[in-house]
Amino acid sequence: FAAALLERDPQASAEQLAQAADKAQRA
C-alpha cells in the first residue's frame, strides 16, 4: 500500500505512507 502511494505521489510524507500501510491492519 505504501509503495503504491509512492508510485502515485513521490512526495508523499512519512505520515501519509504510515496511514496507507495501516489500512492493511483493520479488518
PDB file of all heavy atoms in Angstrom:
ATOM      1  N   PHE A   1       0.834  -1.208   0.000  1.00  0.00           N
ATOM      2  CA  PHE A   1       0.000   0.000   0.000  1.00  0.00           C
ATOM      3  C   PHE A   1       0.869   1.259   0.000  1.00  0.00           C
ATOM      4  O   PHE A   1       0.596   2.222  -0.727  1.00  0.00           O
ATOM      5  CB  PHE A   1      -0.920   0.001   1.221  1.00  0.00           C
ATOM      6  CG  PHE A   1      -2.139  -0.862   1.084  1.00  0.00           C
ATOM      7  CD1 PHE A   1      -2.862  -1.241   2.213  1.00  0.00           C
ATOM      8  CD2 PHE A   1      -2.583  -1.312  -0.144  1.00  0.00           C
ATOM      9  CE1 PHE A   1      -3.998  -2.033   2.109  1.00  0.00           C
ATOM     10  CE2 PHE A   1      -3.716  -2.110  -0.273  1.00  0.00           C
ATOM     11  CZ  PHE A   1      -4.420  -2.465   0.868  1.00  0.00           C
ATOM     12  N   ALA A   2       1.896   1.266   0.836  1.00  0.00           N
ATOM     13  CA  ALA A   2       2.777   2.436   0.904  1.00  0.00           C
ATOM     14  C   ALA A   2       3.544   2.617  -0.408  1.00  0.00           C
ATOM     15  O   ALA A   2       3.698   3.746  -0.902  1.00  0.00           O
ATOM     16  CB  ALA A   2       3.748   2.282   2.077  1.00  0.00           C
ATOM     17  N   ALA A   3       4.000   1.507  -0.973  1.00  0.00           N
ATOM     18  CA  ALA A   3       4.721   1.592  -2.249  1.00  0.00           C
ATOM     19  C   ALA A   3       3.809   2.084  -3.362  1.00  0.00           C
ATOM     20  O   ALA A   3       4.237   2.849  -4.246  1.00  0.00           O
ATOM     21  CB  ALA A   3       5.303   0.223  -2.606  1.00  0.00           C
ATOM     22  N   ALA A   4       2.541   1.672  -3.327  1.00  0.00           N
ATOM     23  CA  ALA A   4       1.581   2.130  -4.336  1.00  0.00           C
ATOM     24  C   ALA A   4       1.359   3.632  -4.211  1.00  0.00           C
ATOM     25  O   ALA A   4       1.221   4.335  -5.218  1.00  0.00           O
ATOM     26  CB  ALA A   4       0.265   1.386  -4.184  1.00  0.00           C
ATOM     27  N   LEU A   5       1.320   4.134  -2.977  1.00  0.00           N
ATOM     28  CA  LEU A   5       1.165   5.574  -2.781  1.00  0.00           C
ATOM     29  C   LEU A   5       2.375   6.326  -3.325  1.00  0.00           C
ATOM     30  O   LEU A   5       2.226   7.352  -3.999  1.00  0.00           O
ATOM     31  CB  LEU A   5       0.973   5.877  -1.295  1.00  0.00           C
ATOM     32  CG  LEU A   5       0.904   7.363  -0.918  1.00  0.00           C
ATOM     33  CD1 LEU A   5      -0.214   8.076  -1.673  1.00  0.00           C
ATOM     34  CD2 LEU A   5       0.721   7.528   0.595  1.00  0.00           C
ATOM     35  N   LEU A   6       3.564   5.809  -3.071  1.00  0.00           N
ATOM     36  CA  LEU A   6       4.770   6.451  -3.604  1.00  0.00           C
ATOM     37  C   LEU A   6       4.789   6.414  -5.122  1.00  0.00           C
ATOM     38  O   LEU A   6       5.299   7.333  -5.768  1.00  0.00           O
ATOM     39  CB  LEU A   6       6.018   5.746  -3.064  1.00  0.00           C
ATOM     40  CG  LEU A   6       6.540   6.199  -1.703  1.00  0.00           C
ATOM     41  CD1 LEU A   6       7.738   5.361  -1.297  1.00  0.00           C
ATOM     42  CD2 LEU A   6       6.899   7.684  -1.714  1.00  0.00           C
ATOM     43  N   GLU A   7       4.229   5.372  -5.692  1.00  0.00           N
ATOM     44  CA  GLU A   7       4.143   5.253  -7.149  1.00  0.00           C
ATOM     45  C   GLU A   7       3.291   6.375  -7.718  1.00  0.00           C
ATOM     46  O   GLU A   7       3.603   6.928  -8.777  1.00  0.00           O
ATOM     47  CB  GLU A   7       3.537   3.890  -7.498  1.00  0.00           C
ATOM     48  CG  GLU A   7       3.702   3.453  -8.923  1.00  0.00           C
ATOM     49  CD  GLU A   7       3.120   2.056  -9.155  1.00  0.00           C
ATOM     50  OE1 GLU A   7       1.884   1.899  -9.096  1.00  0.00           O
ATOM     51  OE2 GLU A   7       3.894   1.124  -9.376  1.00  0.00           O
ATOM     52  N   ARG A   8       2.221   6.723  -6.987  1.00  0.00           N
ATOM     53  CA  ARG A   8       1.327   7.796  -7.436  1.00  0.00           C
ATOM     54  C   ARG A   8       1.836   9.179  -7.036  1.00  0.00           C
ATOM     55  O   ARG A   8       1.616  10.158  -7.754  1.00  0.00           O
ATOM     56  CB  ARG A   8      -0.075   7.606  -6.848  1.00  0.00           C
ATOM     57  CG  ARG A   8      -0.728   6.292  -7.180  1.00  0.00           C
ATOM     58  CD  ARG A   8      -2.203   6.280  -6.798  1.00  0.00           C
ATOM     59  NE  ARG A   8      -2.455   6.651  -5.423  1.00  0.00           N
ATOM     60  CZ  ARG A   8      -2.457   5.794  -4.403  1.00  0.00           C
ATOM     61  NH1 ARG A   8      -2.210   4.510  -4.621  1.00  0.00           N
ATOM     62  NH2 ARG A   8      -2.721   6.215  -3.178  1.00  0.00           N
ATOM     63  N   ASP A   9       2.475   9.256  -5.866  1.00  0.00           N
ATOM     64  CA  ASP A   9       2.902  10.543  -5.319  1.00  0.00           C
ATOM     65  C   ASP A   9       4.281  10.402  -4.681  1.00  0.00           C
ATOM     66  O   ASP A   9       4.398  10.073  -3.497  1.00  0.00           O
ATOM     67  CB  ASP A   9       1.885  11.030  -4.280  1.00  0.00           C
ATOM     68  CG  ASP A   9       2.268  12.365  -3.672  1.00  0.00           C
ATOM     69  OD1 ASP A   9       3.201  13.016  -4.189  1.00  0.00           O
ATOM     70  OD2 ASP A   9       1.637  12.766  -2.664  1.00  0.00           O
ATOM     71  N   PRO A  10       5.326  10.630  -5.459  1.00  0.00           N
ATOM     72  CA  PRO A  10       6.686  10.501  -4.924  1.00  0.00           C
ATOM     73  C   PRO A  10       6.974  11.448  -3.761  1.00  0.00           C
ATOM     74  O   PRO A  10       7.941  11.244  -3.023  1.00  0.00           O
ATOM     75  CB  PRO A  10       7.575  10.837  -6.137  1.00  0.00           C
ATOM     76  CG  PRO A  10       6.711  10.573  -7.324  1.00  0.00           C
ATOM     77  CD  PRO A  10       5.329  10.942  -6.899  1.00  0.00           C
ATOM     78  N   GLN A  11       6.158  12.477  -3.576  1.00  0.00           N
ATOM     79  CA  GLN A  11       6.358  13.450  -2.498  1.00  0.00           C
ATOM     80  C   GLN A  11       5.548  13.107  -1.247  1.00  0.00           C
ATOM     81  O   GLN A  11       5.463  13.929  -0.331  1.00  0.00           O
ATOM     82  CB  GLN A  11       5.971  14.851  -2.991  1.00  0.00           C
ATOM     83  CG  GLN A  11       6.668  15.300  -4.258  1.00  0.00           C
ATOM     84  CD  GLN A  11       8.183  15.260  -4.112  1.00  0.00           C
ATOM     85  OE1 GLN A  11       8.737  15.666  -3.095  1.00  0.00           O
ATOM     86  NE2 GLN A  11       8.863  14.764  -5.145  1.00  0.00           N
ATOM     87  N   ALA A  12       4.943  11.938  -1.190  1.00  0.00           N
ATOM     88  CA  ALA A  12       4.136  11.559  -0.033  1.00  0.00           C
ATOM     89  C   ALA A  12       4.971  11.606   1.240  1.00  0.00           C
ATOM     90  O   ALA A  12       6.128  11.162   1.263  1.00  0.00           O
ATOM     91  CB  ALA A  12       3.552  10.167  -0.231  1.00  0.00           C
ATOM     92  N   SER A  13       4.386  12.121   2.302  1.00  0.00           N
ATOM     93  CA  SER A  13       5.096  12.257   3.571  1.00  0.00           C
ATOM     94  C   SER A  13       5.149  10.920   4.313  1.00  0.00           C
ATOM     95  O   SER A  13       4.416   9.977   3.986  1.00  0.00           O
ATOM     96  CB  SER A  13       4.406  13.294   4.451  1.00  0.00           C
ATOM     97  OG  SER A  13       3.118  12.838   4.849  1.00  0.00           O
ATOM     98  N   ALA A  14       6.004  10.859   5.331  1.00  0.00           N
ATOM     99  CA  ALA A  14       6.104   9.646   6.146  1.00  0.00           C
ATOM    100  C   ALA A  14       4.775   9.343   6.823  1.00  0.00           C
ATOM    101  O   ALA A  14       4.387   8.179   6.954  1.00  0.00           O
ATOM    102  CB  ALA A  14       7.209   9.815   7.183  1.00  0.00           C
ATOM    103  N   GLU A  15       4.067  10.390   7.247  1.00  0.00           N
ATOM    104  CA  GLU A  15       2.763  10.187   7.881  1.00  0.00           C
ATOM    105  C   GLU A  15       1.761   9.602   6.898  1.00  0.00           C
ATOM    106  O   GLU A  15       0.994   8.695   7.243  1.00  0.00           O
ATOM    107  CB  GLU A  15       2.241  11.513   8.434  1.00  0.00           C
ATOM    108  CG  GLU A  15       0.892  11.388   9.130  1.00  0.00           C
ATOM    109  CD  GLU A  15       0.383  12.715   9.676  1.00  0.00           C
ATOM    110  OE1 GLU A  15       1.079  13.738   9.497  1.00  0.00           O
ATOM    111  OE2 GLU A  15      -0.710  12.729  10.268  1.00  0.00           O
ATOM    112  N   GLN A  16       1.753  10.098   5.679  1.00  0.00           N
ATOM    113  CA  GLN A  16       0.837   9.587   4.667  1.00  0.00           C
ATOM    114  C   GLN A  16       1.164   8.134   4.319  1.00  0.00           C
ATOM    115  O   GLN A  16       0.257   7.312   4.124  1.00  0.00           O
ATOM    116  CB  GLN A  16       0.909  10.453   3.412  1.00  0.00           C
ATOM    117  CG  GLN A  16       0.307  11.842   3.594  1.00  0.00           C
ATOM    118  CD  GLN A  16       0.572  12.747   2.409  1.00  0.00           C
ATOM    119  OE1 GLN A  16       1.652  12.708   1.802  1.00  0.00           O
ATOM    120  NE2 GLN A  16      -0.413  13.568   2.070  1.00  0.00           N
ATOM    121  N   LEU A  17       2.440   7.803   4.270  1.00  0.00           N
ATOM    122  CA  LEU A  17       2.837   6.423   3.985  1.00  0.00           C
ATOM    123  C   LEU A  17       2.414   5.499   5.118  1.00  0.00           C
ATOM    124  O   LEU A  17       1.960   4.370   4.876  1.00  0.00           O
ATOM    125  CB  LEU A  17       4.349   6.353   3.764  1.00  0.00           C
ATOM    126  CG  LEU A  17       4.875   7.071   2.519  1.00  0.00           C
ATOM    127  CD1 LEU A  17       6.401   7.055   2.502  1.00  0.00           C
ATOM    128  CD2 LEU A  17       4.329   6.423   1.254  1.00  0.00           C
ATOM    129  N   ALA A  18       2.548   5.966   6.351  1.00  0.00           N
ATOM    130  CA  ALA A  18       2.138   5.162   7.504  1.00  0.00           C
ATOM    131  C   ALA A  18       0.628   4.943   7.506  1.00  0.00           C
ATOM    132  O   ALA A  18       0.148   3.854   7.826  1.00  0.00           O
ATOM    133  CB  ALA A  18       2.581   5.840   8.798  1.00  0.00           C
ATOM    134  N   GLN A  19      -0.116   5.970   7.127  1.00  0.00           N
ATOM    135  CA  GLN A  19      -1.568   5.842   7.062  1.00  0.00           C
ATOM    136  C   GLN A  19      -1.974   4.846   5.982  1.00  0.00           C
ATOM    137  O   GLN A  19      -2.911   4.058   6.166  1.00  0.00           O
ATOM    138  CB  GLN A  19      -2.204   7.206   6.788  1.00  0.00           C
ATOM    139  CG  GLN A  19      -2.115   8.170   7.958  1.00  0.00           C
ATOM    140  CD  GLN A  19      -2.635   9.558   7.609  1.00  0.00           C
ATOM    141  OE1 GLN A  19      -2.865   9.876   6.435  1.00  0.00           O
ATOM    142  NE2 GLN A  19      -2.820  10.396   8.622  1.00  0.00           N
ATOM    143  N   ALA A  20      -1.270   4.881   4.850  1.00  0.00           N
ATOM    144  CA  ALA A  20      -1.560   3.931   3.775  1.00  0.00           C
ATOM    145  C   ALA A  20      -1.284   2.502   4.241  1.00  0.00           C
ATOM    146  O   ALA A  20      -2.078   1.586   4.005  1.00  0.00           O
ATOM    147  CB  ALA A  20      -0.731   4.266   2.540  1.00  0.00           C
ATOM    148  N   ALA A  21      -0.169   2.298   4.917  1.00  0.00           N
ATOM    149  CA  ALA A  21       0.194   0.963   5.390  1.00  0.00           C
ATOM    150  C   ALA A  21      -0.786   0.460   6.446  1.00  0.00           C
ATOM    151  O   ALA A  21      -1.084  -0.740   6.508  1.00  0.00           O
ATOM    152  CB  ALA A  21       1.617   0.967   5.946  1.00  0.00           C
ATOM    153  N   ASP A  22      -1.304   1.372   7.263  1.00  0.00           N
ATOM    154  CA  ASP A  22      -2.214   0.983   8.349  1.00  0.00           C
ATOM    155  C   ASP A  22      -3.512   0.379   7.828  1.00  0.00           C
ATOM    156  O   ASP A  22      -4.170  -0.394   8.535  1.00  0.00           O
ATOM    157  CB  ASP A  22      -2.524   2.209   9.215  1.00  0.00           C
ATOM    158  CG  ASP A  22      -3.440   1.869  10.377  1.00  0.00           C
ATOM    159  OD1 ASP A  22      -3.026   1.073  11.239  1.00  0.00           O
ATOM    160  OD2 ASP A  22      -4.574   2.386  10.412  1.00  0.00           O
ATOM    161  N   LYS A  23      -3.897   0.700   6.604  1.00  0.00           N
ATOM    162  CA  LYS A  23      -5.148   0.174   6.048  1.00  0.00           C
ATOM    163  C   LYS A  23      -5.128  -1.349   5.946  1.00  0.00           C
ATOM    164  O   LYS A  23      -6.179  -1.979   5.899  1.00  0.00           O
ATOM    165  CB  LYS A  23      -5.414   0.795   4.670  1.00  0.00           C
ATOM    166  CG  LYS A  23      -5.695   2.284   4.711  1.00  0.00           C
ATOM    167  CD  LYS A  23      -5.904   2.847   3.313  1.00  0.00           C
ATOM    168  CE  LYS A  23      -6.175   4.338   3.363  1.00  0.00           C
ATOM    169  NZ  LYS A  23      -6.368   4.923   2.006  1.00  0.00           N
ATOM    170  N   ALA A  24      -3.938  -1.928   5.923  1.00  0.00           N
ATOM    171  CA  ALA A  24      -3.829  -3.382   5.814  1.00  0.00           C
ATOM    172  C   ALA A  24      -4.157  -4.086   7.121  1.00  0.00           C
ATOM    173  O   ALA A  24      -4.364  -5.306   7.134  1.00  0.00           O
ATOM    174  CB  ALA A  24      -2.417  -3.760   5.375  1.00  0.00           C
ATOM    175  N   GLN A  25      -4.218  -3.357   8.220  1.00  0.00           N
ATOM    176  CA  GLN A  25      -4.360  -3.977   9.538  1.00  0.00           C
ATOM    177  C   GLN A  25      -5.787  -3.957  10.072  1.00  0.00           C
ATOM    178  O   GLN A  25      -6.045  -4.520  11.136  1.00  0.00           O
ATOM    179  CB  GLN A  25      -3.442  -3.246  10.538  1.00  0.00           C
ATOM    180  CG  GLN A  25      -1.996  -3.136  10.115  1.00  0.00           C
ATOM    181  CD  GLN A  25      -1.295  -4.476  10.051  1.00  0.00           C
ATOM    182  OE1 GLN A  25      -1.706  -5.440  10.707  1.00  0.00           O
ATOM    183  NE2 GLN A  25      -0.231  -4.561   9.254  1.00  0.00           N
ATOM    184  N   ARG A  26      -6.725  -3.347   9.406  1.00  0.00           N
ATOM    185  CA  ARG A  26      -8.007  -3.029  10.033  1.00  0.00           C
ATOM    186  C   ARG A  26      -8.988  -4.187  10.119  1.00  0.00           C
ATOM    187  O   ARG A  26      -9.522  -4.478  11.178  1.00  0.00           O
ATOM    188  CB  ARG A  26      -8.650  -1.845   9.293  1.00  0.00           C
ATOM    189  CG  ARG A  26      -7.838  -0.562   9.454  1.00  0.00           C
ATOM    190  CD  ARG A  26      -8.373   0.548   8.590  1.00  0.00           C
ATOM    191  NE  ARG A  26      -7.545   1.753   8.694  1.00  0.00           N
ATOM    192  CZ  ARG A  26      -7.651   2.807   7.905  1.00  0.00           C
ATOM    193  NH1 ARG A  26      -8.570   2.811   6.950  1.00  0.00           N
ATOM    194  NH2 ARG A  26      -6.858   3.850   8.073  1.00  0.00           N
ATOM    195  N   ALA A  27      -9.292  -4.846   9.032  1.00  0.00           N
ATOM    196  CA  ALA A  27     -10.345  -5.864   9.039  1.00  0.00           C
ATOM    197  C   ALA A  27      -9.841  -7.162   9.672  1.00  0.00           C
ATOM    198  O   ALA A  27      -8.756  -7.637   9.341  1.00  0.00           O
ATOM    199  CB  ALA A  27     -10.835  -6.127   7.632  1.00  0.00           C
TER     200      ALA A  27
END
